[in-house]
Amino acid sequence: ENKKLEEFVLNNVPNSSKVSEISSEATFLLPKESAQYFAEFFKKLDEELNRLDISSYGVSMTTLEEVFLKVEGGDKHKDAEVIEAIKRRSSAIEDK
């Protein structure tokens, strides 16, 4: 668990929250309403990568499918599997 990273994100982007942390990957929600803070946040993040023990990071927009799954409120285990599949598909597309 990277408390330094969590503190950094929560202190630099209002209304942000940690969604998950699995192994060496953490996912944070940066709300669109806080977009005015993003430029400065990412500038600071790039400057603090070593101190925060970050080797790399990625940014993505929530898909309509992910929003639907949250609104639908179905089986959380199944939802997690679908979201992971979406992430893998997104990663594969980015790698091309």
C-alpha atoms as a PDB file:
ATOM      1  CA  GLU A   1       0.000   0.000   0.000  1.00  0.00           C
ATOM      2  CA  ASN A   2       1.457   3.332  -1.070  1.00  0.00           C
ATOM      3  CA  LYS A   3       0.238   5.837   1.530  1.00  0.00           C
ATOM      4  CA  LYS A   4       2.520   8.555   0.126  1.00  0.00           C
ATOM      5  CA  LEU A   5       0.821   8.304  -3.261  1.00  0.00           C
ATOM      6  CA  GLU A   6      -2.666   8.232  -1.785  1.00  0.00           C
ATOM      7  CA  GLU A   7      -1.958  11.301   0.345  1.00  0.00           C
ATOM      8  CA  PHE A   8      -0.420  13.090  -2.643  1.00  0.00           C
ATOM      9  CA  VAL A   9      -3.441  12.469  -4.886  1.00  0.00           C
ATOM     10  CA  LEU A  10      -6.054  13.301  -2.261  1.00  0.00           C
ATOM     11  CA  ASN A  11      -4.244  16.502  -1.271  1.00  0.00           C
ATOM     12  CA  ASN A  12      -3.758  17.757  -4.838  1.00  0.00           C
ATOM     13  CA  VAL A  13      -7.072  16.927  -6.525  1.00  0.00           C
ATOM     14  CA  PRO A  14     -10.211  17.942  -4.603  1.00  0.00           C
ATOM     15  CA  ASN A  15     -12.890  15.249  -4.314  1.00  0.00           C
ATOM     16  CA  SER A  16     -10.550  12.539  -5.634  1.00  0.00           C
ATOM     17  CA  SER A  17     -10.726   9.056  -4.164  1.00  0.00           C
ATOM     18  CA  LYS A  18      -8.847   5.767  -4.262  1.00  0.00           C
ATOM     19  CA  VAL A  19     -10.902   3.151  -6.103  1.00  0.00           C
ATOM     20  CA  SER A  20      -8.614   0.151  -5.672  1.00  0.00           C
ATOM     21  CA  GLU A  21      -5.094  -1.001  -4.930  1.00  0.00           C
ATOM     22  CA  ILE A  22      -4.058  -4.436  -6.083  1.00  0.00           C
ATOM     23  CA  SER A  23      -0.464  -5.567  -5.880  1.00  0.00           C
ATOM     24  CA  SER A  24       1.616  -2.689  -7.251  1.00  0.00           C
ATOM     25  CA  GLU A  25      -1.244  -0.933  -9.086  1.00  0.00           C
ATOM     26  CA  ALA A  26      -3.455   1.739  -7.581  1.00  0.00           C
ATOM     27  CA  THR A  27      -6.498   3.279  -9.241  1.00  0.00           C
ATOM     28  CA  PHE A  28      -7.791   6.728  -8.331  1.00  0.00           C
ATOM     29  CA  LEU A  29     -10.893   8.566  -9.449  1.00  0.00           C
ATOM     30  CA  LEU A  30     -10.170  12.164 -10.405  1.00  0.00           C
ATOM     31  CA  PRO A  31     -13.567  13.804 -10.869  1.00  0.00           C
ATOM     32  CA  LYS A  32     -14.179  15.888 -13.971  1.00  0.00           C
ATOM     33  CA  GLU A  33     -15.310  18.730 -11.704  1.00  0.00           C
ATOM     34  CA  SER A  34     -11.713  19.018 -10.469  1.00  0.00           C
ATOM     35  CA  ALA A  35     -10.243  19.300 -13.980  1.00  0.00           C
ATOM     36  CA  GLN A  36      -8.863  22.767 -13.261  1.00  0.00           C
ATOM     37  CA  TYR A  37      -6.323  21.112 -10.927  1.00  0.00           C
ATOM     38  CA  PHE A  38      -5.153  18.418 -13.372  1.00  0.00           C
ATOM     39  CA  ALA A  39      -2.364  20.327 -15.146  1.00  0.00           C
ATOM     40  CA  GLU A  40      -0.631  21.295 -11.908  1.00  0.00           C
ATOM     41  CA  PHE A  41      -1.293  17.869 -10.391  1.00  0.00           C
ATOM     42  CA  PHE A  42       0.370  15.994 -13.265  1.00  0.00           C
ATOM     43  CA  LYS A  43       3.278  18.431 -13.320  1.00  0.00           C
ATOM     44  CA  LYS A  44       3.870  17.807  -9.591  1.00  0.00           C
ATOM     45  CA  LEU A  45       3.344  14.064 -10.037  1.00  0.00           C
ATOM     46  CA  ASP A  46       6.021  13.915 -12.732  1.00  0.00           C
ATOM     47  CA  GLU A  47       8.415  15.783 -10.419  1.00  0.00           C
ATOM     48  CA  GLU A  48       7.668  13.460  -7.474  1.00  0.00           C
ATOM     49  CA  LEU A  49       7.697  10.018  -9.165  1.00  0.00           C
ATOM     50  CA  ASN A  50      10.791   8.767  -7.328  1.00  0.00           C
ATOM     51  CA  ARG A  51       9.701  10.061  -3.921  1.00  0.00           C
ATOM     52  CA  LEU A  52       6.285   8.453  -4.390  1.00  0.00           C
ATOM     53  CA  ASP A  53       7.816   5.124  -5.503  1.00  0.00           C
ATOM     54  CA  ILE A  54       6.089   5.239  -8.901  1.00  0.00           C
ATOM     55  CA  SER A  55       7.706   3.597 -11.915  1.00  0.00           C
ATOM     56  CA  SER A  56       4.928   4.528 -14.360  1.00  0.00           C
ATOM     57  CA  TYR A  57       1.340   5.698 -14.505  1.00  0.00           C
ATOM     58  CA  GLY A  58      -1.532   5.886 -16.959  1.00  0.00           C
ATOM     59  CA  VAL A  59      -4.634   7.980 -17.389  1.00  0.00           C
ATOM     60  CA  SER A  60      -7.976   6.986 -18.872  1.00  0.00           C
ATOM     61  CA  MET A  61     -11.505   8.295 -19.069  1.00  0.00           C
ATOM     62  CA  THR A  62     -14.309   6.203 -17.611  1.00  0.00           C
ATOM     63  CA  THR A  63     -16.166   4.422 -20.370  1.00  0.00           C
ATOM     64  CA  LEU A  64     -19.931   4.467 -20.722  1.00  0.00           C
ATOM     65  CA  GLU A  65     -19.854   0.722 -20.073  1.00  0.00           C
ATOM     66  CA  GLU A  66     -18.163   1.265 -16.704  1.00  0.00           C
ATOM     67  CA  VAL A  67     -20.672   3.974 -15.795  1.00  0.00           C
ATOM     68  CA  PHE A  68     -23.543   1.657 -16.750  1.00  0.00           C
ATOM     69  CA  LEU A  69     -22.131  -1.097 -14.540  1.00  0.00           C
ATOM     70  CA  LYS A  70     -21.960   1.265 -11.564  1.00  0.00           C
ATOM     71  CA  VAL A  71     -25.502   2.550 -12.132  1.00  0.00           C
ATOM     72  CA  GLU A  72     -26.859  -0.934 -12.719  1.00  0.00           C
ATOM     73  CA  GLY A  73     -25.419  -2.090  -9.371  1.00  0.00           C
ATOM     74  CA  GLY A  74     -25.294  -5.735 -10.392  1.00  0.00           C
ATOM     75  CA  ASP A  75     -22.994  -8.481  -9.156  1.00  0.00           C
ATOM     76  CA  LYS A  76     -19.869  -6.723  -7.846  1.00  0.00           C
ATOM     77  CA  HIS A  77     -17.596  -9.694  -8.571  1.00  0.00           C
ATOM     78  CA  LYS A  78     -18.849  -9.915 -12.153  1.00  0.00           C
ATOM     79  CA  ASP A  79     -18.572  -6.129 -12.530  1.00  0.00           C
ATOM     80  CA  ALA A  80     -14.936  -6.275 -11.409  1.00  0.00           C
ATOM     81  CA  GLU A  81     -14.233  -9.001 -13.979  1.00  0.00           C
ATOM     82  CA  VAL A  82     -15.830  -6.936 -16.752  1.00  0.00           C
ATOM     83  CA  ILE A  83     -13.929  -3.801 -15.755  1.00  0.00           C
ATOM     84  CA  GLU A  84     -10.646  -5.739 -15.713  1.00  0.00           C
ATOM     85  CA  ALA A  85     -11.458  -7.069 -19.189  1.00  0.00           C
ATOM     86  CA  ILE A  86     -12.108  -3.514 -20.377  1.00  0.00           C
ATOM     87  CA  LYS A  87      -8.789  -2.370 -18.907  1.00  0.00           C
ATOM     88  CA  ARG A  88      -6.944  -5.233 -20.618  1.00  0.00           C
ATOM     89  CA  ARG A  89      -8.642  -4.396 -23.916  1.00  0.00           C
ATOM     90  CA  SER A  90      -7.744  -0.702 -23.483  1.00  0.00           C
ATOM     91  CA  SER A  91      -4.128  -1.632 -22.714  1.00  0.00           C
ATOM     92  CA  ALA A  92      -3.938  -3.842 -25.800  1.00  0.00           C
ATOM     93  CA  ILE A  93      -5.244  -0.994 -27.952  1.00  0.00           C
ATOM     94  CA  GLU A  94      -2.721   1.477 -26.449  1.00  0.00           C
ATOM     95  CA  ASP A  95       0.134  -0.971 -27.082  1.00  0.00           C
ATOM     96  CA  LYS A  96      -0.637  -1.072 -30.838  1.00  0.00           C
END
